[in-house]
Amino acid sequence: MMAQLAIREIFRLFLAIISVVAASAPALAFCTQNGGNATFISSGTSTTVTPAYSTSAVADQIHTFTVTIANPRTNAGATCDLALSFTRSSLPATMTNGAATLEYSIESTSGATLVQTAGFAAFASPQPANRIDLTIAPGGTVVVSVRIRILAGQTSATAGNYTDSTVTVGIYELVLGAPSEALDEHVFTVNASITSGCTLPAPDTSNLNFTPAISAGLPNPGFILRSTFNGVSCSAPSRIRLTGSPMAPTPTTGTVAGFDNEINYLAIAQFGAASAALNSNFTTQVTSAGTNVVTGAVSGATITVDVNLLAGQPIIAGTYSSVLTVTIDPSL
């Protein structure tokens, strides 16, 4: 008898709690009664990140878009409490272009991550940390700002168009602050593009001193100096270009028979499969015939530039200098 009494007392207590909740129901904001569910009415299916992403950017790229949600119920007291969230089967989220990937995140304007992997679970998911809670008046609409963040430093990404169609966006009715029902869910597609471009860090040395290469006033072609660029990246196959003029004296000097008043040099640059050789005696600019790679992007690559003086007549005494410019770009 005691056991039966205990069960009955527990049952009565449970009924009492239900009665309290039911009694307070008129104060809750249900979204699914007569008049239809709250639903997306614009910008709820896709977004395209603009402008195009640059692999040389030093800051994250942030793209803001809006989602508009409507509450079709117009009767008095039909205010709707709901949450907006996104679901993806795995994280981090990535867009793809063939085998190439581009990492991104979906977040609130305050930076909270809105993508979770659990999907909808009544009174459990999405959690408050991964959603935006909203209240919509009867017959009203609300416009929500959401951000796409593409992380900087993705230098191995290839130029082209990227997409991710594995995300689901949903709005969920909130009852006592917990998601109770999925009101509207569908695929949400994220698109982006990557521009063709390169990142060329500073060389290990930017000054080549050829003073030791001058002996008895004559340049020594066997004296070779090298400048190296490390950590080079390009989002597409690229060519390399050298631009430069002969070394000239400061201040300038006039011509003297039997002497040179400029110093010519040969510069040879190597960037993957691309090479360029500039002979300042004949030209001021040269571009490689081929590209550094046949296809795809490169990251952490190296460029070497070897320079030596060309043989000539004795050089008029003075201080000589020139600027050699190295350029890499897919558009060359």
Protein backbone atom coordinates (compact mmCIF):
# COMPACT_ATOMS: atom_id res chain seq x y z
CA MET A 1 0.00 0.00 0.00
CA MET A 2 2.85 2.38 0.81
CA ALA A 3 4.42 1.82 -2.62
CA GLN A 4 1.11 2.42 -4.38
CA LEU A 5 0.56 5.58 -2.36
CA ALA A 6 4.01 6.88 -3.30
CA ILE A 7 3.28 6.31 -6.98
CA ARG A 8 -0.05 8.08 -6.72
CA GLU A 9 1.57 11.02 -4.94
CA ILE A 10 4.23 11.34 -7.63
CA PHE A 11 1.55 11.14 -10.31
CA ARG A 12 -0.47 13.85 -8.61
CA LEU A 13 2.64 16.04 -8.39
CA PHE A 14 3.30 15.59 -12.10
CA LEU A 15 -0.28 16.51 -12.91
CA ALA A 16 0.06 19.58 -10.75
CA ILE A 17 3.13 20.77 -12.67
CA ILE A 18 1.35 20.23 -15.97
CA SER A 19 -1.58 22.21 -14.66
CA VAL A 20 0.67 25.14 -13.80
CA VAL A 21 2.24 25.16 -17.27
CA ALA A 22 -1.12 24.81 -18.96
CA ALA A 23 -2.51 27.60 -16.88
CA SER A 24 0.27 29.90 -18.07
CA ALA A 25 -0.06 28.89 -21.75
CA PRO A 26 -1.95 32.01 -22.85
CA ALA A 27 1.18 34.06 -22.04
CA LEU A 28 3.37 31.98 -24.39
CA ALA A 29 4.02 33.09 -27.98
CA PHE A 30 3.05 30.14 -30.17
CA CYS A 31 3.94 30.33 -33.88
CA THR A 32 1.99 27.36 -35.24
CA GLN A 33 -1.68 27.87 -34.46
CA ASN A 34 -4.42 29.11 -36.80
CA GLY A 35 -3.05 31.41 -39.50
CA GLY A 36 0.02 29.39 -40.53
CA ASN A 37 3.61 29.00 -39.41
CA ALA A 38 6.22 31.73 -39.31
CA THR A 39 8.32 31.43 -42.46
CA PHE A 40 11.17 32.89 -44.49
CA ILE A 41 10.02 35.42 -47.06
CA SER A 42 13.36 36.62 -48.50
CA SER A 43 17.11 35.96 -48.51
CA GLY A 44 16.66 32.62 -46.84
CA THR A 45 18.11 30.29 -49.47
CA SER A 46 21.58 31.54 -50.45
CA THR A 47 24.16 34.30 -50.26
CA THR A 48 27.18 35.22 -52.35
CA VAL A 49 30.18 36.73 -50.63
CA THR A 50 31.28 40.00 -52.21
CA PRO A 51 33.75 41.26 -53.16
CA ALA A 52 35.85 38.33 -54.34
CA TYR A 53 38.23 36.90 -51.75
CA SER A 54 41.93 37.66 -52.09
CA THR A 55 44.42 35.11 -50.79
CA SER A 56 46.84 37.95 -50.08
CA ALA A 57 44.43 39.72 -47.70
CA VAL A 58 45.76 40.09 -44.15
CA ALA A 59 42.32 40.47 -42.52
CA ASP A 60 39.31 38.16 -42.53
CA GLN A 61 36.72 38.99 -45.17
CA ILE A 62 33.28 39.66 -43.70
CA HIS A 63 30.11 39.67 -45.80
CA THR A 64 26.80 40.69 -44.24
CA PHE A 65 23.44 39.56 -45.61
CA THR A 66 19.88 39.74 -44.30
CA VAL A 67 17.16 37.19 -43.69
CA THR A 68 13.53 38.34 -43.50
CA ILE A 69 11.05 36.25 -41.51
CA ALA A 70 7.28 36.77 -41.36
CA ASN A 71 4.62 35.90 -38.79
CA PRO A 72 1.40 35.38 -40.82
CA ARG A 73 -0.84 35.14 -37.76
CA THR A 74 -2.70 38.40 -37.26
CA ASN A 75 -5.04 37.64 -34.37
CA ALA A 76 -4.49 39.37 -31.05
CA GLY A 77 -1.90 37.69 -28.86
CA ALA A 78 -0.29 35.93 -31.83
CA THR A 79 3.20 37.26 -31.11
CA CYS A 80 5.75 34.64 -32.15
CA ASP A 81 9.00 33.75 -30.33
CA LEU A 82 11.47 31.90 -32.53
CA ALA A 83 15.15 31.23 -33.18
CA LEU A 84 17.25 31.36 -36.35
CA SER A 85 20.10 28.87 -36.73
CA PHE A 86 22.16 26.93 -39.27
CA THR A 87 23.12 23.25 -39.37
CA ARG A 88 25.99 21.49 -41.13
CA SER A 89 27.03 17.86 -40.76
CA SER A 90 30.66 18.75 -40.05
CA LEU A 91 32.80 21.72 -39.07
CA PRO A 92 34.75 23.77 -39.93
CA ALA A 93 32.50 24.79 -42.80
CA THR A 94 34.17 24.84 -46.21
CA MET A 95 33.19 25.84 -49.71
CA THR A 96 34.67 23.77 -52.51
CA ASN A 97 35.93 24.27 -56.04
CA GLY A 98 36.80 20.81 -57.24
CA ALA A 99 39.39 19.54 -54.78
CA ALA A 100 40.17 23.05 -53.52
CA THR A 101 38.53 24.28 -50.31
CA LEU A 102 37.81 27.65 -48.72
CA GLU A 103 37.04 27.77 -44.99
CA TYR A 104 34.32 30.06 -43.67
CA SER A 105 31.90 30.53 -40.80
CA ILE A 106 28.35 31.84 -40.37
CA GLU A 107 27.93 34.12 -37.41
CA SER A 108 25.84 36.81 -35.80
CA THR A 109 26.86 40.44 -36.09
CA SER A 110 28.38 40.11 -32.63
CA GLY A 111 30.58 37.23 -33.79
CA ALA A 112 28.69 34.26 -32.28
CA THR A 113 28.90 31.07 -34.36
CA LEU A 114 25.46 30.18 -35.74
CA VAL A 115 26.38 26.83 -37.29
CA GLN A 116 25.96 23.65 -35.26
CA THR A 117 26.08 19.97 -36.20
CA ALA A 118 23.34 18.49 -34.00
CA GLY A 119 20.40 19.75 -36.05
CA PHE A 120 17.00 20.30 -34.48
CA ALA A 121 16.10 18.38 -31.33
CA ALA A 122 12.99 19.40 -29.41
CA PHE A 123 13.86 21.41 -26.29
CA ALA A 124 17.58 20.64 -26.80
CA SER A 125 19.00 22.01 -30.06
CA PRO A 126 19.94 24.51 -31.35
CA GLN A 127 21.52 25.80 -28.18
CA PRO A 128 21.37 29.54 -27.32
CA ALA A 129 25.04 29.96 -28.26
CA ASN A 130 24.31 28.89 -31.86
CA ARG A 131 21.14 30.80 -32.61
CA ILE A 132 19.57 34.25 -32.82
CA ASP A 133 16.36 34.58 -30.76
CA LEU A 134 13.60 36.76 -32.20
CA THR A 135 10.13 38.00 -31.39
CA ILE A 136 7.71 38.86 -34.21
CA ALA A 137 4.49 40.76 -33.63
CA PRO A 138 1.20 39.48 -35.12
CA GLY A 139 1.29 39.94 -38.90
CA GLY A 140 4.77 41.41 -38.64
CA THR A 141 8.17 40.74 -40.15
CA VAL A 142 11.69 40.94 -38.80
CA VAL A 143 14.93 41.45 -40.72
CA VAL A 144 17.96 39.67 -39.28
CA SER A 145 21.55 40.52 -40.22
CA VAL A 146 23.92 37.55 -40.50
CA ARG A 147 27.61 37.47 -41.42
CA ILE A 148 29.79 35.17 -43.48
CA ARG A 149 33.44 35.25 -42.37
CA ILE A 150 36.17 33.91 -44.66
CA LEU A 151 39.41 33.49 -42.76
CA ALA A 152 42.47 35.35 -43.99
CA GLY A 153 45.67 33.54 -44.87
CA GLN A 154 44.18 30.77 -47.03
CA THR A 155 47.04 31.14 -49.48
CA SER A 156 46.78 27.63 -50.91
CA ALA A 157 43.27 28.23 -52.27
CA THR A 158 42.94 28.23 -56.06
CA ALA A 159 41.33 31.08 -57.98
CA GLY A 160 37.78 30.32 -59.12
CA ASN A 161 34.21 29.95 -57.88
CA TYR A 162 33.44 28.17 -54.60
CA THR A 163 30.16 26.89 -53.16
CA ASP A 164 28.75 24.98 -50.20
CA SER A 165 25.24 23.51 -50.42
CA THR A 166 25.46 21.29 -47.33
CA VAL A 167 24.09 23.86 -44.89
CA THR A 168 20.51 23.90 -43.61
CA VAL A 169 18.94 27.10 -42.31
CA GLY A 170 15.98 26.87 -39.97
CA ILE A 171 13.63 28.86 -37.80
CA TYR A 172 12.34 27.18 -34.66
CA GLU A 173 9.52 28.02 -32.30
CA LEU A 174 10.67 28.87 -28.80
CA VAL A 175 8.59 27.79 -25.81
CA LEU A 176 9.93 28.93 -22.46
CA GLY A 177 13.19 29.77 -24.23
CA ALA A 178 13.69 26.30 -25.71
CA PRO A 179 13.24 25.20 -29.36
CA SER A 180 10.01 23.21 -29.49
CA GLU A 181 9.24 22.84 -33.19
CA ALA A 182 10.87 23.37 -36.58
CA LEU A 183 8.81 25.97 -38.42
CA ASP A 184 10.78 26.21 -41.67
CA GLU A 185 13.98 24.48 -42.83
CA HIS A 186 15.71 24.32 -46.18
CA VAL A 187 19.11 24.17 -47.86
CA PHE A 188 21.18 27.33 -47.60
CA THR A 189 23.91 27.79 -50.23
CA VAL A 190 27.03 29.88 -49.63
CA ASN A 191 28.96 31.11 -52.69
CA ALA A 192 32.26 32.94 -53.06
CA SER A 193 34.99 33.51 -55.60
CA ILE A 194 38.73 33.95 -55.34
CA THR A 195 40.61 36.44 -57.45
CA SER A 196 43.74 35.50 -59.34
CA GLY A 197 46.70 37.04 -57.61
CA CYS A 198 49.99 36.55 -55.80
CA THR A 199 51.66 37.44 -52.53
CA LEU A 200 55.34 38.34 -52.82
CA PRO A 201 57.07 38.90 -49.46
CA ALA A 202 60.21 40.99 -49.15
CA PRO A 203 63.44 39.22 -50.18
CA ASP A 204 66.02 38.02 -47.69
CA THR A 205 68.29 40.76 -48.97
CA SER A 206 67.22 43.81 -50.95
CA ASN A 207 70.69 45.28 -51.49
CA LEU A 208 73.31 43.55 -53.62
CA ASN A 209 76.78 45.08 -53.24
CA PHE A 210 79.03 44.44 -56.22
CA THR A 211 82.00 46.47 -55.03
CA PRO A 212 84.09 43.28 -54.60
CA ALA A 213 83.26 42.39 -58.22
CA ILE A 214 85.23 45.38 -59.56
CA SER A 215 88.94 44.65 -59.95
CA ALA A 216 91.33 47.16 -61.51
CA GLY A 217 88.27 49.03 -62.75
CA LEU A 218 86.89 46.01 -64.60
CA PRO A 219 83.69 44.10 -63.67
CA ASN A 220 84.09 40.41 -62.85
CA PRO A 221 81.25 38.33 -64.41
CA GLY A 222 82.11 35.38 -62.17
CA PHE A 223 81.01 37.22 -59.03
CA ILE A 224 77.35 36.23 -58.50
CA LEU A 225 74.98 37.46 -55.79
CA ARG A 226 71.59 35.96 -54.97
CA SER A 227 68.39 37.39 -53.53
CA THR A 228 65.72 34.94 -52.35
CA PHE A 229 61.99 35.42 -51.83
CA ASN A 230 60.45 32.88 -49.44
CA GLY A 231 56.80 32.23 -48.63
CA VAL A 232 55.54 33.16 -52.09
CA SER A 233 51.94 32.27 -52.92
CA CYS A 234 49.78 32.53 -56.04
CA SER A 235 46.14 31.52 -56.46
CA ALA A 236 46.67 30.65 -60.14
CA PRO A 237 49.55 29.81 -62.51
CA SER A 238 51.72 32.92 -62.81
CA ARG A 239 54.59 34.37 -64.80
CA ILE A 240 57.59 36.25 -63.45
CA ARG A 241 58.89 39.55 -64.81
CA LEU A 242 62.18 41.40 -64.31
CA THR A 243 62.46 45.13 -64.93
CA GLY A 244 65.69 47.08 -64.62
CA SER A 245 68.25 49.38 -66.24
CA PRO A 246 72.05 49.42 -66.20
CA MET A 247 73.71 50.74 -63.05
CA ALA A 248 74.39 54.44 -63.47
CA PRO A 249 76.72 56.74 -61.52
CA THR A 250 75.60 59.37 -59.01
CA PRO A 251 76.21 62.12 -59.95
CA THR A 252 76.08 61.37 -63.65
CA THR A 253 79.27 61.49 -65.68
CA GLY A 254 79.91 62.12 -69.34
CA THR A 255 81.38 59.59 -71.73
CA VAL A 256 85.11 59.05 -71.87
CA ALA A 257 86.77 57.15 -74.70
CA GLY A 258 87.91 53.70 -73.60
CA PHE A 259 85.78 53.74 -70.42
CA ASP A 260 82.22 52.78 -69.48
CA ASN A 261 79.99 55.19 -67.57
CA GLU A 262 77.42 52.50 -66.74
CA ILE A 263 77.58 48.90 -65.53
CA ASN A 264 75.49 46.25 -67.22
CA TYR A 265 74.38 43.08 -65.52
CA LEU A 266 72.60 39.79 -66.09
CA ALA A 267 69.74 38.86 -63.73
CA ILE A 268 68.20 35.38 -63.82
CA ALA A 269 64.99 34.69 -61.88
CA GLN A 270 63.52 31.26 -61.17
CA PHE A 271 59.96 30.69 -59.92
CA GLY A 272 58.94 27.06 -60.14
CA ALA A 273 58.89 26.21 -63.84
CA ALA A 274 58.99 29.89 -64.82
CA SER A 275 62.29 31.59 -65.53
CA ALA A 276 63.31 34.99 -66.85
CA ALA A 277 66.74 36.38 -67.75
CA LEU A 278 67.32 40.13 -68.05
CA ASN A 279 70.44 41.39 -69.83
CA SER A 280 70.51 45.13 -69.12
CA ASN A 281 72.76 45.67 -72.12
CA PHE A 282 69.87 44.81 -74.46
CA THR A 283 66.55 45.31 -72.68
CA THR A 284 64.92 46.81 -69.61
CA GLN A 285 62.16 44.24 -69.15
CA VAL A 286 61.65 40.52 -69.69
CA THR A 287 58.78 38.16 -68.80
CA SER A 288 58.94 34.39 -68.51
CA ALA A 289 57.47 32.47 -71.41
CA GLY A 290 55.84 29.91 -69.15
CA THR A 291 54.10 29.87 -65.78
CA ASN A 292 55.39 28.58 -62.47
CA VAL A 293 52.92 25.66 -62.51
CA VAL A 294 50.58 24.23 -65.12
CA THR A 295 47.48 24.48 -62.96
CA GLY A 296 46.38 25.28 -59.44
CA ALA A 297 47.73 27.42 -56.63
CA VAL A 298 51.06 27.46 -54.82
CA SER A 299 51.83 28.43 -51.25
CA GLY A 300 55.16 28.73 -49.47
CA ALA A 301 57.06 28.79 -52.76
CA THR A 302 60.52 30.27 -53.35
CA ILE A 303 61.86 32.67 -55.96
CA THR A 304 65.60 33.09 -56.53
CA VAL A 305 67.23 35.94 -58.43
CA ASP A 306 70.91 35.57 -59.36
CA VAL A 307 72.76 38.67 -60.57
CA ASN A 308 76.25 39.08 -62.03
CA LEU A 309 77.99 41.96 -63.77
CA LEU A 310 78.73 41.78 -67.49
CA ALA A 311 82.24 42.19 -68.85
CA GLY A 312 83.06 45.59 -70.32
CA GLN A 313 85.62 48.36 -70.49
CA PRO A 314 87.17 49.91 -67.40
CA ILE A 315 84.58 51.82 -65.38
CA ILE A 316 84.82 55.53 -64.66
CA ALA A 317 85.29 56.00 -60.93
CA GLY A 318 82.10 56.71 -59.00
CA THR A 319 79.18 55.21 -57.11
CA TYR A 320 76.84 53.17 -59.30
CA SER A 321 73.35 51.85 -58.57
CA SER A 322 70.19 50.57 -60.17
CA VAL A 323 66.84 49.10 -59.14
CA LEU A 324 65.79 45.64 -60.28
CA THR A 325 62.06 44.99 -59.91
CA VAL A 326 60.59 41.49 -59.59
CA THR A 327 56.91 41.05 -60.49
CA ILE A 328 54.74 37.92 -60.37
CA ASP A 329 51.12 37.80 -61.48
CA PRO A 330 48.69 35.43 -63.22
CA SER A 331 47.79 38.21 -65.68
CA LEU A 332 51.29 38.71 -67.07
